[in-house]
């Protein structure tokens, strides 16, 4: 296993900085410990994904150029705004807090753990199918639900249901449609990960030739 020392050093720096920053940020307010634990678990996982260069909001099972960047941008805006809203809820938006501490926050941590498990399972899958893609986007759904509960926010629950779940659905259907079209042309039902890059390369080359002839 080769270690990317620059990327690893940056991740460690981020861990140390955010651990201190969010401790100082949340410590003066009531009901902060579980929210702090949730925040650090989320940041640790984000760091792992960053280190391994995974597409965080999309599965990475398609070639990068086939993903719709507006969907990724819209979901990124939703996700990071949810994170900010969650932190501000714990700090000053007390009317927005669900008064079931620490039970709601613990459920949020459990959902985050479930999301991480599903994501890791799909990333390490031996073959790529529509079911595996579905598992990835289920993990995304669990992740955004964990944000709402991890910070115990009424607004985030509504924001997640109305905006977040809709964005996840659009991303899922967009990716599955492209994937189904691909496996239909290959006359297969799944892609072995060892053959993944070769098959997609041939598919894109044929697609480019058709465009040039057209």
C-alpha atoms as a PDB file:
ATOM      1  CA  UNK A   1       0.000   0.000   0.000  1.00  0.00           C
ATOM      2  CA  UNK A   2       1.416   3.353  -1.054  1.00  0.00           C
ATOM      3  CA  UNK A   3       0.813   6.252   1.314  1.00  0.00           C
ATOM      4  CA  UNK A   4       0.140   9.707  -0.066  1.00  0.00           C
ATOM      5  CA  UNK A   5       2.058  11.620   2.599  1.00  0.00           C
ATOM      6  CA  UNK A   6       0.988  15.095   1.475  1.00  0.00           C
ATOM      7  CA  UNK A   7      -2.676  14.176   1.470  1.00  0.00           C
ATOM      8  CA  UNK A   8      -2.315  12.312   4.773  1.00  0.00           C
ATOM      9  CA  UNK A   9      -0.575  15.298   6.413  1.00  0.00           C
ATOM     10  CA  UNK A  10      -3.343  17.611   5.233  1.00  0.00           C
ATOM     11  CA  UNK A  11      -6.053  15.271   6.585  1.00  0.00           C
ATOM     12  CA  UNK A  12      -4.328  15.029   9.977  1.00  0.00           C
ATOM     13  CA  UNK A  13      -4.021  18.827  10.117  1.00  0.00           C
ATOM     14  CA  UNK A  14      -7.742  19.189   9.349  1.00  0.00           C
ATOM     15  CA  UNK A  15      -8.601  16.666  12.094  1.00  0.00           C
ATOM     16  CA  UNK A  16      -6.538  18.515  14.702  1.00  0.00           C
ATOM     17  CA  UNK A  17      -7.786  21.936  13.640  1.00  0.00           C
ATOM     18  CA  UNK A  18     -11.490  20.999  13.508  1.00  0.00           C
ATOM     19  CA  UNK A  19     -11.294  19.076  16.793  1.00  0.00           C
ATOM     20  CA  UNK A  20     -10.084  22.234  18.542  1.00  0.00           C
ATOM     21  CA  UNK A  21     -12.297  24.606  16.548  1.00  0.00           C
ATOM     22  CA  UNK A  22     -15.581  22.792  17.153  1.00  0.00           C
ATOM     23  CA  UNK A  23     -14.705  22.153  20.799  1.00  0.00           C
ATOM     24  CA  UNK A  24     -14.290  25.887  21.357  1.00  0.00           C
ATOM     25  CA  UNK A  25     -17.344  26.577  19.186  1.00  0.00           C
ATOM     26  CA  UNK A  26     -19.794  24.198  20.893  1.00  0.00           C
ATOM     27  CA  UNK A  27     -18.419  23.946  24.447  1.00  0.00           C
ATOM     28  CA  UNK A  28     -20.026  27.142  25.850  1.00  0.00           C
ATOM     29  CA  UNK A  29     -23.576  25.961  24.975  1.00  0.00           C
ATOM     30  CA  UNK A  30     -25.964  23.429  26.518  1.00  0.00           C
ATOM     31  CA  UNK A  31     -26.257  19.885  25.204  1.00  0.00           C
ATOM     32  CA  UNK A  32     -23.000  20.096  23.247  1.00  0.00           C
ATOM     33  CA  UNK A  33     -21.091  16.787  23.887  1.00  0.00           C
ATOM     34  CA  UNK A  34     -23.103  14.439  21.629  1.00  0.00           C
ATOM     35  CA  UNK A  35     -23.301  17.031  18.854  1.00  0.00           C
ATOM     36  CA  UNK A  36     -19.534  17.471  19.126  1.00  0.00           C
ATOM     37  CA  UNK A  37     -18.983  13.708  18.874  1.00  0.00           C
ATOM     38  CA  UNK A  38     -21.272  13.562  15.847  1.00  0.00           C
ATOM     39  CA  UNK A  39     -19.428  16.462  14.184  1.00  0.00           C
ATOM     40  CA  UNK A  40     -16.025  14.843  14.646  1.00  0.00           C
ATOM     41  CA  UNK A  41     -17.215  11.416  13.409  1.00  0.00           C
ATOM     42  CA  UNK A  42     -18.578  13.087  10.280  1.00  0.00           C
ATOM     43  CA  UNK A  43     -15.363  15.045   9.694  1.00  0.00           C
ATOM     44  CA  UNK A  44     -13.219  11.933  10.217  1.00  0.00           C
ATOM     45  CA  UNK A  45     -15.232  10.088   7.572  1.00  0.00           C
ATOM     46  CA  UNK A  46     -15.059  13.045   5.180  1.00  0.00           C
ATOM     47  CA  UNK A  47     -11.288  12.965   5.651  1.00  0.00           C
ATOM     48  CA  UNK A  48     -11.138   9.239   4.823  1.00  0.00           C
ATOM     49  CA  UNK A  49     -13.160   9.804   1.646  1.00  0.00           C
ATOM     50  CA  UNK A  50     -10.952  12.755   0.685  1.00  0.00           C
ATOM     51  CA  UNK A  51      -7.779  10.741   1.246  1.00  0.00           C
ATOM     52  CA  UNK A  52      -9.030   7.934  -1.003  1.00  0.00           C
ATOM     53  CA  UNK A  53     -10.196  10.460  -3.653  1.00  0.00           C
ATOM     54  CA  UNK A  54     -13.776   9.203  -3.714  1.00  0.00           C
ATOM     55  CA  UNK A  55     -16.595  11.217  -5.245  1.00  0.00           C
ATOM     56  CA  UNK A  56     -18.446  12.047  -2.058  1.00  0.00           C
ATOM     57  CA  UNK A  57     -21.866  12.981  -3.492  1.00  0.00           C
ATOM     58  CA  UNK A  58     -21.901  10.514  -6.405  1.00  0.00           C
ATOM     59  CA  UNK A  59     -20.870   6.869  -6.491  1.00  0.00           C
ATOM     60  CA  UNK A  60     -17.974   7.108  -8.957  1.00  0.00           C
ATOM     61  CA  UNK A  61     -19.240   4.002 -10.780  1.00  0.00           C
ATOM     62  CA  UNK A  62     -19.568   5.983 -14.014  1.00  0.00           C
ATOM     63  CA  UNK A  63     -16.787   7.816 -15.851  1.00  0.00           C
ATOM     64  CA  UNK A  64     -16.517  11.299 -14.397  1.00  0.00           C
ATOM     65  CA  UNK A  65     -17.582  13.052 -17.609  1.00  0.00           C
ATOM     66  CA  UNK A  66     -20.944  11.224 -17.612  1.00  0.00           C
ATOM     67  CA  UNK A  67     -22.057  12.720 -14.307  1.00  0.00           C
ATOM     68  CA  UNK A  68     -24.258  15.803 -14.337  1.00  0.00           C
ATOM     69  CA  UNK A  69     -22.297  18.477 -12.517  1.00  0.00           C
ATOM     70  CA  UNK A  70     -25.370  20.676 -11.776  1.00  0.00           C
ATOM     71  CA  UNK A  71     -26.793  17.851  -9.644  1.00  0.00           C
ATOM     72  CA  UNK A  72     -23.495  17.452  -7.805  1.00  0.00           C
ATOM     73  CA  UNK A  73     -23.251  21.210  -7.261  1.00  0.00           C
ATOM     74  CA  UNK A  74     -26.853  21.436  -6.007  1.00  0.00           C
ATOM     75  CA  UNK A  75     -26.327  18.561  -3.594  1.00  0.00           C
ATOM     76  CA  UNK A  76     -23.033  20.002  -2.346  1.00  0.00           C
ATOM     77  CA  UNK A  77     -24.811  23.293  -1.637  1.00  0.00           C
ATOM     78  CA  UNK A  78     -27.556  21.420   0.228  1.00  0.00           C
ATOM     79  CA  UNK A  79     -25.121  19.274   2.237  1.00  0.00           C
ATOM     80  CA  UNK A  80     -22.788  22.021   3.420  1.00  0.00           C
ATOM     81  CA  UNK A  81     -25.654  24.401   4.150  1.00  0.00           C
ATOM     82  CA  UNK A  82     -27.210  21.610   6.262  1.00  0.00           C
ATOM     83  CA  UNK A  83     -23.941  21.276   8.179  1.00  0.00           C
ATOM     84  CA  UNK A  84     -23.843  25.036   8.854  1.00  0.00           C
ATOM     85  CA  UNK A  85     -27.504  25.071   9.907  1.00  0.00           C
ATOM     86  CA  UNK A  86     -26.846  22.142  12.253  1.00  0.00           C
ATOM     87  CA  UNK A  87     -23.942  23.924  13.953  1.00  0.00           C
ATOM     88  CA  UNK A  88     -25.842  27.192  14.276  1.00  0.00           C
ATOM     89  CA  UNK A  89     -28.818  25.306  15.720  1.00  0.00           C
ATOM     90  CA  UNK A  90     -26.612  23.987  18.512  1.00  0.00           C
ATOM     91  CA  UNK A  91     -25.123  27.452  19.123  1.00  0.00           C
ATOM     92  CA  UNK A  92     -27.960  29.997  18.995  1.00  0.00           C
ATOM     93  CA  UNK A  93     -31.118  28.670  17.319  1.00  0.00           C
ATOM     94  CA  UNK A  94     -32.567  27.057  20.456  1.00  0.00           C
ATOM     95  CA  UNK A  95     -36.176  27.266  19.210  1.00  0.00           C
ATOM     96  CA  UNK A  96     -35.185  25.005  16.328  1.00  0.00           C
ATOM     97  CA  UNK A  97     -33.814  22.260  18.609  1.00  0.00           C
ATOM     98  CA  UNK A  98     -35.728  19.046  19.263  1.00  0.00           C
ATOM     99  CA  UNK A  99     -35.914  18.734  23.033  1.00  0.00           C
ATOM    100  CA  UNK A 100     -35.071  15.040  23.257  1.00  0.00           C
ATOM    101  CA  UNK A 101     -31.334  15.292  24.009  1.00  0.00           C
ATOM    102  CA  UNK A 102     -29.400  13.012  23.826  1.00  0.00           C
ATOM    103  CA  UNK A 103     -31.708  10.397  22.278  1.00  0.00           C
ATOM    104  CA  UNK A 104     -32.263  12.168  18.928  1.00  0.00           C
ATOM    105  CA  UNK A 105     -28.527  12.912  18.619  1.00  0.00           C
ATOM    106  CA  UNK A 106     -27.631   9.275  19.368  1.00  0.00           C
ATOM    107  CA  UNK A 107     -30.031   8.135  16.633  1.00  0.00           C
ATOM    108  CA  UNK A 108     -28.201  10.558  14.328  1.00  0.00           C
ATOM    109  CA  UNK A 109     -24.874   8.913  15.182  1.00  0.00           C
ATOM    110  CA  UNK A 110     -26.380   5.458  14.522  1.00  0.00           C
ATOM    111  CA  UNK A 111     -27.637   6.632  11.113  1.00  0.00           C
ATOM    112  CA  UNK A 112     -24.194   8.062  10.346  1.00  0.00           C
ATOM    113  CA  UNK A 113     -22.614   4.701  11.225  1.00  0.00           C
ATOM    114  CA  UNK A 114     -25.124   2.941   8.949  1.00  0.00           C
ATOM    115  CA  UNK A 115     -24.316   5.357   6.135  1.00  0.00           C
ATOM    116  CA  UNK A 116     -20.575   4.757   6.528  1.00  0.00           C
ATOM    117  CA  UNK A 117     -21.080   0.977   6.528  1.00  0.00           C
ATOM    118  CA  UNK A 118     -23.145   1.063   3.314  1.00  0.00           C
ATOM    119  CA  UNK A 119     -20.736   3.440   1.582  1.00  0.00           C
ATOM    120  CA  UNK A 120     -17.736   1.291   2.472  1.00  0.00           C
ATOM    121  CA  UNK A 121     -19.608  -1.823   1.318  1.00  0.00           C
ATOM    122  CA  UNK A 122     -20.415  -0.319  -2.085  1.00  0.00           C
ATOM    123  CA  UNK A 123     -16.923   1.113  -2.565  1.00  0.00           C
ATOM    124  CA  UNK A 124     -15.421  -2.354  -1.971  1.00  0.00           C
ATOM    125  CA  UNK A 125     -18.019  -4.223  -4.075  1.00  0.00           C
ATOM    126  CA  UNK A 126     -16.632  -6.864  -6.442  1.00  0.00           C
ATOM    127  CA  UNK A 127     -19.191  -6.023  -9.103  1.00  0.00           C
ATOM    128  CA  UNK A 128     -21.309  -3.019 -10.023  1.00  0.00           C
ATOM    129  CA  UNK A 129     -25.068  -3.452 -10.422  1.00  0.00           C
ATOM    130  CA  UNK A 130     -28.113  -1.212 -10.112  1.00  0.00           C
ATOM    131  CA  UNK A 131     -28.561  -2.681  -6.613  1.00  0.00           C
ATOM    132  CA  UNK A 132     -25.067  -1.547  -5.593  1.00  0.00           C
ATOM    133  CA  UNK A 133     -25.751   1.921  -6.987  1.00  0.00           C
ATOM    134  CA  UNK A 134     -29.002   1.967  -5.017  1.00  0.00           C
ATOM    135  CA  UNK A 135     -27.119   1.035  -1.841  1.00  0.00           C
ATOM    136  CA  UNK A 136     -24.769   3.960  -2.370  1.00  0.00           C
ATOM    137  CA  UNK A 137     -27.594   6.472  -2.661  1.00  0.00           C
ATOM    138  CA  UNK A 138     -29.344   4.891   0.314  1.00  0.00           C
ATOM    139  CA  UNK A 139     -26.144   5.629   2.258  1.00  0.00           C
ATOM    140  CA  UNK A 140     -26.388   9.256   1.095  1.00  0.00           C
ATOM    141  CA  UNK A 141     -29.999   9.397   2.321  1.00  0.00           C
ATOM    142  CA  UNK A 142     -28.954   8.027   5.713  1.00  0.00           C
ATOM    143  CA  UNK A 143     -26.141  10.582   5.838  1.00  0.00           C
ATOM    144  CA  UNK A 144     -28.369  13.616   5.334  1.00  0.00           C
ATOM    145  CA  UNK A 145     -30.944  12.205   7.768  1.00  0.00           C
ATOM    146  CA  UNK A 146     -28.164  11.788  10.329  1.00  0.00           C
ATOM    147  CA  UNK A 147     -27.328  15.496   9.968  1.00  0.00           C
ATOM    148  CA  UNK A 148     -30.878  16.500  10.868  1.00  0.00           C
ATOM    149  CA  UNK A 149     -30.988  14.197  13.892  1.00  0.00           C
ATOM    150  CA  UNK A 150     -27.343  14.537  14.921  1.00  0.00           C
ATOM    151  CA  UNK A 151     -27.978  18.231  15.555  1.00  0.00           C
ATOM    152  CA  UNK A 152     -31.594  17.755  16.633  1.00  0.00           C
ATOM    153  CA  UNK A 153     -32.978  20.317  14.203  1.00  0.00           C
ATOM    154  CA  UNK A 154     -36.652  20.638  13.233  1.00  0.00           C
ATOM    155  CA  UNK A 155     -35.737  22.763  10.228  1.00  0.00           C
ATOM    156  CA  UNK A 156     -33.135  20.278   8.977  1.00  0.00           C
ATOM    157  CA  UNK A 157     -35.681  17.454   9.084  1.00  0.00           C
ATOM    158  CA  UNK A 158     -37.996  19.489   6.827  1.00  0.00           C
ATOM    159  CA  UNK A 159     -35.065  20.644   4.658  1.00  0.00           C
ATOM    160  CA  UNK A 160     -33.901  17.043   4.248  1.00  0.00           C
ATOM    161  CA  UNK A 161     -37.316  15.664   3.318  1.00  0.00           C
ATOM    162  CA  UNK A 162     -38.284  18.462   0.911  1.00  0.00           C
ATOM    163  CA  UNK A 163     -34.907  19.224  -0.723  1.00  0.00           C
ATOM    164  CA  UNK A 164     -32.300  16.610   0.198  1.00  0.00           C
ATOM    165  CA  UNK A 165     -34.250  13.436  -0.579  1.00  0.00           C
ATOM    166  CA  UNK A 166     -35.381  14.917  -3.890  1.00  0.00           C
ATOM    167  CA  UNK A 167     -31.782  15.679  -4.907  1.00  0.00           C
ATOM    168  CA  UNK A 168     -30.684  12.164  -3.923  1.00  0.00           C
ATOM    169  CA  UNK A 169     -33.510  10.710  -6.024  1.00  0.00           C
ATOM    170  CA  UNK A 170     -32.527  12.799  -9.062  1.00  0.00           C
ATOM    171  CA  UNK A 171     -28.881  11.735  -8.733  1.00  0.00           C
ATOM    172  CA  UNK A 172     -29.855   8.077  -8.337  1.00  0.00           C
ATOM    173  CA  UNK A 173     -32.200   7.998 -11.336  1.00  0.00           C
ATOM    174  CA  UNK A 174     -29.716   9.912 -13.501  1.00  0.00           C
ATOM    175  CA  UNK A 175     -26.900   7.461 -12.730  1.00  0.00           C
ATOM    176  CA  UNK A 176     -29.060   4.336 -13.024  1.00  0.00           C
ATOM    177  CA  UNK A 177     -30.410   5.421 -16.420  1.00  0.00           C
ATOM    178  CA  UNK A 178     -26.883   5.875 -17.799  1.00  0.00           C
ATOM    179  CA  UNK A 179     -25.764   2.587 -16.245  1.00  0.00           C
ATOM    180  CA  UNK A 180     -28.740   0.622 -17.602  1.00  0.00           C
ATOM    181  CA  UNK A 181     -28.148   1.993 -21.093  1.00  0.00           C
ATOM    182  CA  UNK A 182     -24.518   0.925 -20.827  1.00  0.00           C
ATOM    183  CA  UNK A 183     -25.155  -2.642 -19.634  1.00  0.00           C
ATOM    184  CA  UNK A 184     -27.883  -2.977 -22.285  1.00  0.00           C
ATOM    185  CA  UNK A 185     -25.364  -2.204 -25.032  1.00  0.00           C
ATOM    186  CA  UNK A 186     -22.923  -4.681 -23.458  1.00  0.00           C
ATOM    187  CA  UNK A 187     -25.650  -7.329 -23.042  1.00  0.00           C
ATOM    188  CA  UNK A 188     -24.694  -7.899 -19.386  1.00  0.00           C
ATOM    189  CA  UNK A 189     -26.397  -7.415 -16.011  1.00  0.00           C
ATOM    190  CA  UNK A 190     -23.391  -6.350 -13.957  1.00  0.00           C
ATOM    191  CA  UNK A 191     -19.817  -5.140 -14.319  1.00  0.00           C
ATOM    192  CA  UNK A 192     -16.940  -6.896 -12.597  1.00  0.00           C
ATOM    193  CA  UNK A 193     -14.731  -4.237 -11.054  1.00  0.00           C
ATOM    194  CA  UNK A 194     -11.637  -5.694 -12.772  1.00  0.00           C
ATOM    195  CA  UNK A 195     -13.238  -5.074 -16.180  1.00  0.00           C
ATOM    196  CA  UNK A 196     -14.832  -1.769 -15.226  1.00  0.00           C
ATOM    197  CA  UNK A 197     -12.411   0.725 -16.796  1.00  0.00           C
ATOM    198  CA  UNK A 198     -11.843  -1.332 -19.959  1.00  0.00           C
ATOM    199  CA  UNK A 199     -15.569  -1.732 -20.705  1.00  0.00           C
ATOM    200  CA  UNK A 200     -16.351   1.935 -20.106  1.00  0.00           C
ATOM    201  CA  UNK A 201     -13.406   3.022 -22.248  1.00  0.00           C
ATOM    202  CA  UNK A 202     -14.632   0.938 -25.191  1.00  0.00           C
ATOM    203  CA  UNK A 203     -18.186   2.204 -24.676  1.00  0.00           C
ATOM    204  CA  UNK A 204     -17.124   5.870 -24.687  1.00  0.00           C
ATOM    205  CA  UNK A 205     -14.904   5.341 -27.736  1.00  0.00           C
ATOM    206  CA  UNK A 206     -17.832   3.843 -29.677  1.00  0.00           C
ATOM    207  CA  UNK A 207     -20.102   6.668 -28.535  1.00  0.00           C
ATOM    208  CA  UNK A 208     -17.564   9.280 -29.690  1.00  0.00           C
ATOM    209  CA  UNK A 209     -17.216   7.594 -33.101  1.00  0.00           C
ATOM    210  CA  UNK A 210     -21.002   7.667 -33.560  1.00  0.00           C
ATOM    211  CA  UNK A 211     -21.076  11.404 -32.776  1.00  0.00           C
ATOM    212  CA  UNK A 212     -18.261  12.068 -35.267  1.00  0.00           C
ATOM    213  CA  UNK A 213     -20.033  10.088 -37.993  1.00  0.00           C
ATOM    214  CA  UNK A 214     -23.306  11.908 -37.203  1.00  0.00           C
END
